[in-house]
Amino acid sequence: MHIDTREDVLKRLSRLEGQVKGVSKMISEDVDCEKVLVQILAVEGAIKNIGKMIIKSHLCHCVKDAMEKGDTDILDSFSKIVEKFI
């Protein structure tokens, strides 16, 4: 993973960790279910965005580098991971 992406992903994961702890706290404090569900949707969105960042970085760096070296097998593995992600 490219260094810039890695740093951004780690920051976002740290924030995500805080969001998850917040959801746990909401549940233990018996907060209204709808409010908890809204926060769960926010967590879901955050993790999907992190995944998209990693996919983009992988494409722009790892896949590109492999293709430049003539490794076309990378396209199959990249395609499979993108299918799983979406």
C-alpha atoms as a PDB file:
ATOM      1  CA  MET A   1       0.000   0.000   0.000  1.00  0.00           C
ATOM      2  CA  HIS A   2       1.272   3.467  -0.865  1.00  0.00           C
ATOM      3  CA  ILE A   3       2.586   5.378   2.176  1.00  0.00           C
ATOM      4  CA  ASP A   4       0.128   8.290   1.814  1.00  0.00           C
ATOM      5  CA  THR A   5      -2.806   5.888   1.626  1.00  0.00           C
ATOM      6  CA  ARG A   6      -1.495   3.889   4.579  1.00  0.00           C
ATOM      7  CA  GLU A   7      -1.335   6.975   6.789  1.00  0.00           C
ATOM      8  CA  ASP A   8      -4.828   8.104   5.781  1.00  0.00           C
ATOM      9  CA  VAL A   9      -6.258   4.603   6.273  1.00  0.00           C
ATOM     10  CA  LEU A  10      -4.704   4.341   9.732  1.00  0.00           C
ATOM     11  CA  LYS A  11      -6.196   7.711  10.741  1.00  0.00           C
ATOM     12  CA  ARG A  12      -9.596   6.654   9.465  1.00  0.00           C
ATOM     13  CA  LEU A  13      -9.367   3.298  11.242  1.00  0.00           C
ATOM     14  CA  SER A  14      -8.568   5.098  14.475  1.00  0.00           C
ATOM     15  CA  ARG A  15     -11.650   7.278  14.013  1.00  0.00           C
ATOM     16  CA  LEU A  16     -13.677   4.188  13.151  1.00  0.00           C
ATOM     17  CA  GLU A  17     -12.514   2.518  16.330  1.00  0.00           C
ATOM     18  CA  GLY A  18     -13.858   5.493  18.258  1.00  0.00           C
ATOM     19  CA  GLN A  19     -17.173   5.263  16.409  1.00  0.00           C
ATOM     20  CA  VAL A  20     -17.511   1.574  17.259  1.00  0.00           C
ATOM     21  CA  LYS A  21     -16.753   2.270  20.912  1.00  0.00           C
ATOM     22  CA  GLY A  22     -19.395   5.007  20.769  1.00  0.00           C
ATOM     23  CA  VAL A  23     -21.964   2.530  19.450  1.00  0.00           C
ATOM     24  CA  SER A  24     -21.066   0.110  22.231  1.00  0.00           C
ATOM     25  CA  LYS A  25     -21.505   2.888  24.793  1.00  0.00           C
ATOM     26  CA  MET A  26     -24.865   3.846  23.280  1.00  0.00           C
ATOM     27  CA  ILE A  27     -26.057   0.266  23.606  1.00  0.00           C
ATOM     28  CA  SER A  28     -24.872  -0.080  27.194  1.00  0.00           C
ATOM     29  CA  GLU A  29     -26.616   3.219  28.017  1.00  0.00           C
ATOM     30  CA  ASP A  30     -29.819   1.939  26.381  1.00  0.00           C
ATOM     31  CA  VAL A  31     -29.944   4.737  23.795  1.00  0.00           C
ATOM     32  CA  ASP A  32     -32.886   4.671  21.392  1.00  0.00           C
ATOM     33  CA  CYS A  33     -32.499   1.889  18.785  1.00  0.00           C
ATOM     34  CA  GLU A  34     -32.958   4.272  15.858  1.00  0.00           C
ATOM     35  CA  LYS A  35     -30.054   6.440  17.030  1.00  0.00           C
ATOM     36  CA  VAL A  36     -27.870   3.347  17.407  1.00  0.00           C
ATOM     37  CA  LEU A  37     -28.808   2.177  13.917  1.00  0.00           C
ATOM     38  CA  VAL A  38     -27.895   5.568  12.450  1.00  0.00           C
ATOM     39  CA  GLN A  39     -24.459   5.263  14.037  1.00  0.00           C
ATOM     40  CA  ILE A  40     -24.088   1.710  12.722  1.00  0.00           C
ATOM     41  CA  LEU A  41     -24.823   3.030   9.234  1.00  0.00           C
ATOM     42  CA  ALA A  42     -22.109   5.629   9.733  1.00  0.00           C
ATOM     43  CA  VAL A  43     -19.656   2.884  10.748  1.00  0.00           C
ATOM     44  CA  GLU A  44     -20.642   0.856   7.703  1.00  0.00           C
ATOM     45  CA  GLY A  45     -20.104   3.836   5.425  1.00  0.00           C
ATOM     46  CA  ALA A  46     -16.727   4.566   6.973  1.00  0.00           C
ATOM     47  CA  ILE A  47     -15.467   1.005   6.521  1.00  0.00           C
ATOM     48  CA  LYS A  48     -16.665   0.934   2.910  1.00  0.00           C
ATOM     49  CA  ASN A  49     -14.838   4.186   2.205  1.00  0.00           C
ATOM     50  CA  ILE A  50     -11.655   2.763   3.715  1.00  0.00           C
ATOM     51  CA  GLY A  51     -12.028  -0.285   1.487  1.00  0.00           C
ATOM     52  CA  LYS A  52     -12.472   1.927  -1.562  1.00  0.00           C
ATOM     53  CA  MET A  53      -9.306   3.832  -0.675  1.00  0.00           C
ATOM     54  CA  ILE A  54      -7.349   0.597  -0.395  1.00  0.00           C
ATOM     55  CA  ILE A  55      -8.743  -0.707  -3.692  1.00  0.00           C
ATOM     56  CA  LYS A  56      -7.797   2.529  -5.443  1.00  0.00           C
ATOM     57  CA  SER A  57      -4.305   2.465  -3.969  1.00  0.00           C
ATOM     58  CA  HIS A  58      -3.885  -1.179  -4.945  1.00  0.00           C
ATOM     59  CA  LEU A  59      -4.962  -0.413  -8.506  1.00  0.00           C
ATOM     60  CA  CYS A  60      -2.829   2.701  -8.883  1.00  0.00           C
ATOM     61  CA  HIS A  61       0.301   1.200  -7.380  1.00  0.00           C
ATOM     62  CA  CYS A  62       0.391  -2.600  -7.054  1.00  0.00           C
ATOM     63  CA  VAL A  63      -1.646  -3.499 -10.150  1.00  0.00           C
ATOM     64  CA  LYS A  64       0.001  -0.796 -12.251  1.00  0.00           C
ATOM     65  CA  ASP A  65       3.497  -1.888 -11.192  1.00  0.00           C
ATOM     66  CA  ALA A  66       2.732  -5.555 -11.874  1.00  0.00           C
ATOM     67  CA  MET A  67       1.299  -4.744 -15.313  1.00  0.00           C
ATOM     68  CA  GLU A  68       4.386  -2.706 -16.185  1.00  0.00           C
ATOM     69  CA  LYS A  69       6.471  -5.779 -15.331  1.00  0.00           C
ATOM     70  CA  GLY A  70       4.276  -7.922 -17.589  1.00  0.00           C
ATOM     71  CA  ASP A  71       2.369  -9.719 -14.812  1.00  0.00           C
ATOM     72  CA  THR A  72      -1.152  -9.919 -16.206  1.00  0.00           C
ATOM     73  CA  ASP A  73      -2.215 -12.484 -13.562  1.00  0.00           C
ATOM     74  CA  ILE A  74      -2.679  -9.534 -11.224  1.00  0.00           C
ATOM     75  CA  LEU A  75      -5.807  -8.575 -13.169  1.00  0.00           C
ATOM     76  CA  ASP A  76      -7.564 -11.819 -12.232  1.00  0.00           C
ATOM     77  CA  SER A  77      -6.792 -11.463  -8.541  1.00  0.00           C
ATOM     78  CA  PHE A  78      -7.735  -7.777  -8.582  1.00  0.00           C
ATOM     79  CA  SER A  79     -10.998  -8.561 -10.339  1.00  0.00           C
ATOM     80  CA  LYS A  80     -11.852 -11.220  -7.752  1.00  0.00           C
ATOM     81  CA  ILE A  81     -11.247  -8.934  -4.793  1.00  0.00           C
ATOM     82  CA  VAL A  82     -13.281  -6.136  -6.368  1.00  0.00           C
ATOM     83  CA  GLU A  83     -16.166  -8.598  -6.938  1.00  0.00           C
ATOM     84  CA  LYS A  84     -16.054  -9.617  -3.268  1.00  0.00           C
ATOM     85  CA  PHE A  85     -15.974  -6.014  -2.160  1.00  0.00           C
ATOM     86  CA  ILE A  86     -18.965  -4.938  -4.205  1.00  0.00           C
END
